[in-house]
Amino acid sequence: MTTVRIQTHLVRDDKGVLRLDGLKYIMFVGNHVYHDMDATALGKQYTSLTREQIHAGLAYYYENKVELDAELKRREDEAEALLNEYASPNVGLRERFETYRQSKSEGLQ
């Protein structure tokens, strides 16, 4: 019988933040989900990650898609609440956020 070592690249730091070899995992997932970045594009964005690390990150996302999509949505709602509370209508930030939010929501469908 052959023993196979399965290495995980995802760990929680002492604050409970999920990390992919040092990077905040939720940012990695956000780029995949909201910007439709595949493994090749993610490799160009995150040059410190190996192909194996990128695929481990994507595999974890698809294994935990419901939970991670809910976390992304929670963060989006939090950002929108902050925008509503602090943004000045004269800055144009609201319009940029709405455009960004719309593009993200299309990616989740």
C-alpha atoms as a PDB file:
ATOM      1  CA  MET A   1       0.000   0.000   0.000  1.00  0.00           C
ATOM      2  CA  THR A   2       1.291   3.431  -0.963  1.00  0.00           C
ATOM      3  CA  THR A   3       0.897   6.321   1.420  1.00  0.00           C
ATOM      4  CA  VAL A   4      -0.071   9.591  -0.190  1.00  0.00           C
ATOM      5  CA  ARG A   5       0.547  12.859   1.611  1.00  0.00           C
ATOM      6  CA  ILE A   6      -2.130  15.426   0.919  1.00  0.00           C
ATOM      7  CA  GLN A   7      -0.892  18.921   1.583  1.00  0.00           C
ATOM      8  CA  THR A   8      -3.264  21.724   2.310  1.00  0.00           C
ATOM      9  CA  HIS A   9      -2.292  25.269   1.539  1.00  0.00           C
ATOM     10  CA  LEU A  10      -5.155  26.811   3.472  1.00  0.00           C
ATOM     11  CA  VAL A  11      -4.762  27.663   7.147  1.00  0.00           C
ATOM     12  CA  ARG A  12      -6.474  29.934   9.648  1.00  0.00           C
ATOM     13  CA  ASP A  13      -4.220  32.461  11.311  1.00  0.00           C
ATOM     14  CA  ASP A  14      -4.377  33.372  15.007  1.00  0.00           C
ATOM     15  CA  LYS A  15      -7.199  35.838  14.244  1.00  0.00           C
ATOM     16  CA  GLY A  16      -9.252  33.186  12.425  1.00  0.00           C
ATOM     17  CA  VAL A  17      -8.573  34.600   8.956  1.00  0.00           C
ATOM     18  CA  LEU A  18      -8.361  31.903   6.293  1.00  0.00           C
ATOM     19  CA  ARG A  19      -5.137  32.240   4.333  1.00  0.00           C
ATOM     20  CA  LEU A  20      -3.785  30.654   1.180  1.00  0.00           C
ATOM     21  CA  ASP A  21      -0.062  30.461   1.824  1.00  0.00           C
ATOM     22  CA  GLY A  22      -0.054  33.829   3.527  1.00  0.00           C
ATOM     23  CA  LEU A  23      -2.620  35.625   1.344  1.00  0.00           C
ATOM     24  CA  LYS A  24      -6.092  36.468   2.587  1.00  0.00           C
ATOM     25  CA  TYR A  25      -8.115  33.715   0.967  1.00  0.00           C
ATOM     26  CA  ILE A  26     -11.316  35.760   0.658  1.00  0.00           C
ATOM     27  CA  MET A  27      -9.477  38.207  -1.619  1.00  0.00           C
ATOM     28  CA  PHE A  28      -8.309  35.320  -3.816  1.00  0.00           C
ATOM     29  CA  VAL A  29     -11.873  33.967  -3.993  1.00  0.00           C
ATOM     30  CA  GLY A  30     -13.278  37.427  -4.693  1.00  0.00           C
ATOM     31  CA  ASN A  31     -11.055  37.778  -7.731  1.00  0.00           C
ATOM     32  CA  HIS A  32     -12.179  34.375  -8.979  1.00  0.00           C
ATOM     33  CA  VAL A  33     -15.880  35.044  -8.412  1.00  0.00           C
ATOM     34  CA  TYR A  34     -16.280  38.747  -9.167  1.00  0.00           C
ATOM     35  CA  HIS A  35     -13.671  39.148 -11.876  1.00  0.00           C
ATOM     36  CA  ASP A  36     -14.162  35.716 -13.448  1.00  0.00           C
ATOM     37  CA  MET A  37     -10.475  34.910 -13.052  1.00  0.00           C
ATOM     38  CA  ASP A  38      -9.579  31.345 -13.954  1.00  0.00           C
ATOM     39  CA  ALA A  39      -6.498  29.494 -12.684  1.00  0.00           C
ATOM     40  CA  THR A  40      -4.270  31.069 -15.364  1.00  0.00           C
ATOM     41  CA  ALA A  41      -5.428  34.612 -14.584  1.00  0.00           C
ATOM     42  CA  LEU A  42      -5.089  33.993 -10.847  1.00  0.00           C
ATOM     43  CA  GLY A  43      -1.528  32.776 -11.455  1.00  0.00           C
ATOM     44  CA  LYS A  44      -0.718  36.041 -13.191  1.00  0.00           C
ATOM     45  CA  GLN A  45      -2.312  38.043 -10.376  1.00  0.00           C
ATOM     46  CA  TYR A  46      -0.718  36.055  -7.550  1.00  0.00           C
ATOM     47  CA  THR A  47       2.775  35.336  -8.814  1.00  0.00           C
ATOM     48  CA  SER A  48       3.924  34.065  -5.415  1.00  0.00           C
ATOM     49  CA  LEU A  49       1.513  31.114  -5.630  1.00  0.00           C
ATOM     50  CA  THR A  50       2.319  27.854  -7.380  1.00  0.00           C
ATOM     51  CA  ARG A  51      -0.108  26.153  -9.733  1.00  0.00           C
ATOM     52  CA  GLU A  52      -0.804  23.575  -7.018  1.00  0.00           C
ATOM     53  CA  GLN A  53      -1.644  26.314  -4.493  1.00  0.00           C
ATOM     54  CA  ILE A  54      -3.995  28.022  -6.935  1.00  0.00           C
ATOM     55  CA  HIS A  55      -5.820  24.796  -7.716  1.00  0.00           C
ATOM     56  CA  ALA A  56      -6.025  23.954  -3.995  1.00  0.00           C
ATOM     57  CA  GLY A  57      -7.604  27.365  -3.434  1.00  0.00           C
ATOM     58  CA  LEU A  58     -10.113  26.847  -6.227  1.00  0.00           C
ATOM     59  CA  ALA A  59     -10.941  23.325  -5.045  1.00  0.00           C
ATOM     60  CA  TYR A  60     -11.635  24.627  -1.546  1.00  0.00           C
ATOM     61  CA  TYR A  61     -13.929  27.287  -2.987  1.00  0.00           C
ATOM     62  CA  TYR A  62     -16.013  24.765  -4.921  1.00  0.00           C
ATOM     63  CA  GLU A  63     -16.154  22.413  -1.923  1.00  0.00           C
ATOM     64  CA  ASN A  64     -17.379  25.288   0.286  1.00  0.00           C
ATOM     65  CA  LYS A  65     -19.151  27.446  -2.301  1.00  0.00           C
ATOM     66  CA  VAL A  66     -22.339  28.168  -0.332  1.00  0.00           C
ATOM     67  CA  GLU A  67     -20.436  29.291   2.774  1.00  0.00           C
ATOM     68  CA  LEU A  68     -17.902  31.373   0.844  1.00  0.00           C
ATOM     69  CA  ASP A  69     -20.515  33.007  -1.396  1.00  0.00           C
ATOM     70  CA  ALA A  70     -22.417  33.945   1.766  1.00  0.00           C
ATOM     71  CA  GLU A  71     -19.243  35.499   3.204  1.00  0.00           C
ATOM     72  CA  LEU A  72     -18.662  37.480   0.008  1.00  0.00           C
ATOM     73  CA  LYS A  73     -22.274  38.673   0.102  1.00  0.00           C
ATOM     74  CA  ARG A  74     -21.946  39.649   3.775  1.00  0.00           C
ATOM     75  CA  ARG A  75     -18.850  41.703   2.949  1.00  0.00           C
ATOM     76  CA  GLU A  76     -20.637  43.327   0.009  1.00  0.00           C
ATOM     77  CA  ASP A  77     -23.596  44.249   2.224  1.00  0.00           C
ATOM     78  CA  GLU A  78     -21.224  45.650   4.848  1.00  0.00           C
ATOM     79  CA  ALA A  79     -19.452  47.763   2.231  1.00  0.00           C
ATOM     80  CA  GLU A  80     -22.770  49.039   0.938  1.00  0.00           C
ATOM     81  CA  ALA A  81     -23.886  49.988   4.454  1.00  0.00           C
ATOM     82  CA  LEU A  82     -20.648  51.896   5.004  1.00  0.00           C
ATOM     83  CA  LEU A  83     -21.065  53.597   1.665  1.00  0.00           C
ATOM     84  CA  ASN A  84     -24.603  54.634   2.547  1.00  0.00           C
ATOM     85  CA  GLU A  85     -23.448  55.965   5.888  1.00  0.00           C
ATOM     86  CA  TYR A  86     -20.303  57.834   4.867  1.00  0.00           C
ATOM     87  CA  ALA A  87     -20.224  58.532   1.132  1.00  0.00           C
ATOM     88  CA  SER A  88     -20.947  61.983  -0.160  1.00  0.00           C
ATOM     89  CA  PRO A  89     -23.268  61.964  -3.189  1.00  0.00           C
ATOM     90  CA  ASN A  90     -21.009  64.532  -4.868  1.00  0.00           C
ATOM     91  CA  VAL A  91     -17.944  62.283  -4.988  1.00  0.00           C
ATOM     92  CA  GLY A  92     -19.241  59.823  -7.586  1.00  0.00           C
ATOM     93  CA  LEU A  93     -18.310  56.909  -5.352  1.00  0.00           C
ATOM     94  CA  ARG A  94     -21.875  55.645  -5.177  1.00  0.00           C
ATOM     95  CA  GLU A  95     -22.105  55.346  -8.956  1.00  0.00           C
ATOM     96  CA  ARG A  96     -18.775  53.509  -9.149  1.00  0.00           C
ATOM     97  CA  PHE A  97     -19.858  51.167  -6.368  1.00  0.00           C
ATOM     98  CA  GLU A  98     -23.204  50.460  -8.018  1.00  0.00           C
ATOM     99  CA  THR A  99     -21.444  49.626 -11.312  1.00  0.00           C
ATOM    100  CA  TYR A 100     -18.997  47.350  -9.480  1.00  0.00           C
ATOM    101  CA  ARG A 101     -21.784  45.713  -7.463  1.00  0.00           C
ATOM    102  CA  GLN A 102     -23.810  45.069 -10.587  1.00  0.00           C
ATOM    103  CA  SER A 103     -20.856  43.416 -12.330  1.00  0.00           C
ATOM    104  CA  LYS A 104     -20.284  41.210  -9.261  1.00  0.00           C
ATOM    105  CA  SER A 105     -23.894  40.130  -8.995  1.00  0.00           C
ATOM    106  CA  GLU A 106     -23.878  39.101 -12.642  1.00  0.00           C
ATOM    107  CA  GLY A 107     -20.856  36.887 -11.882  1.00  0.00           C
ATOM    108  CA  LEU A 108     -22.718  35.030  -9.099  1.00  0.00           C
ATOM    109  CA  GLN A 109     -25.591  34.025 -11.337  1.00  0.00           C
END
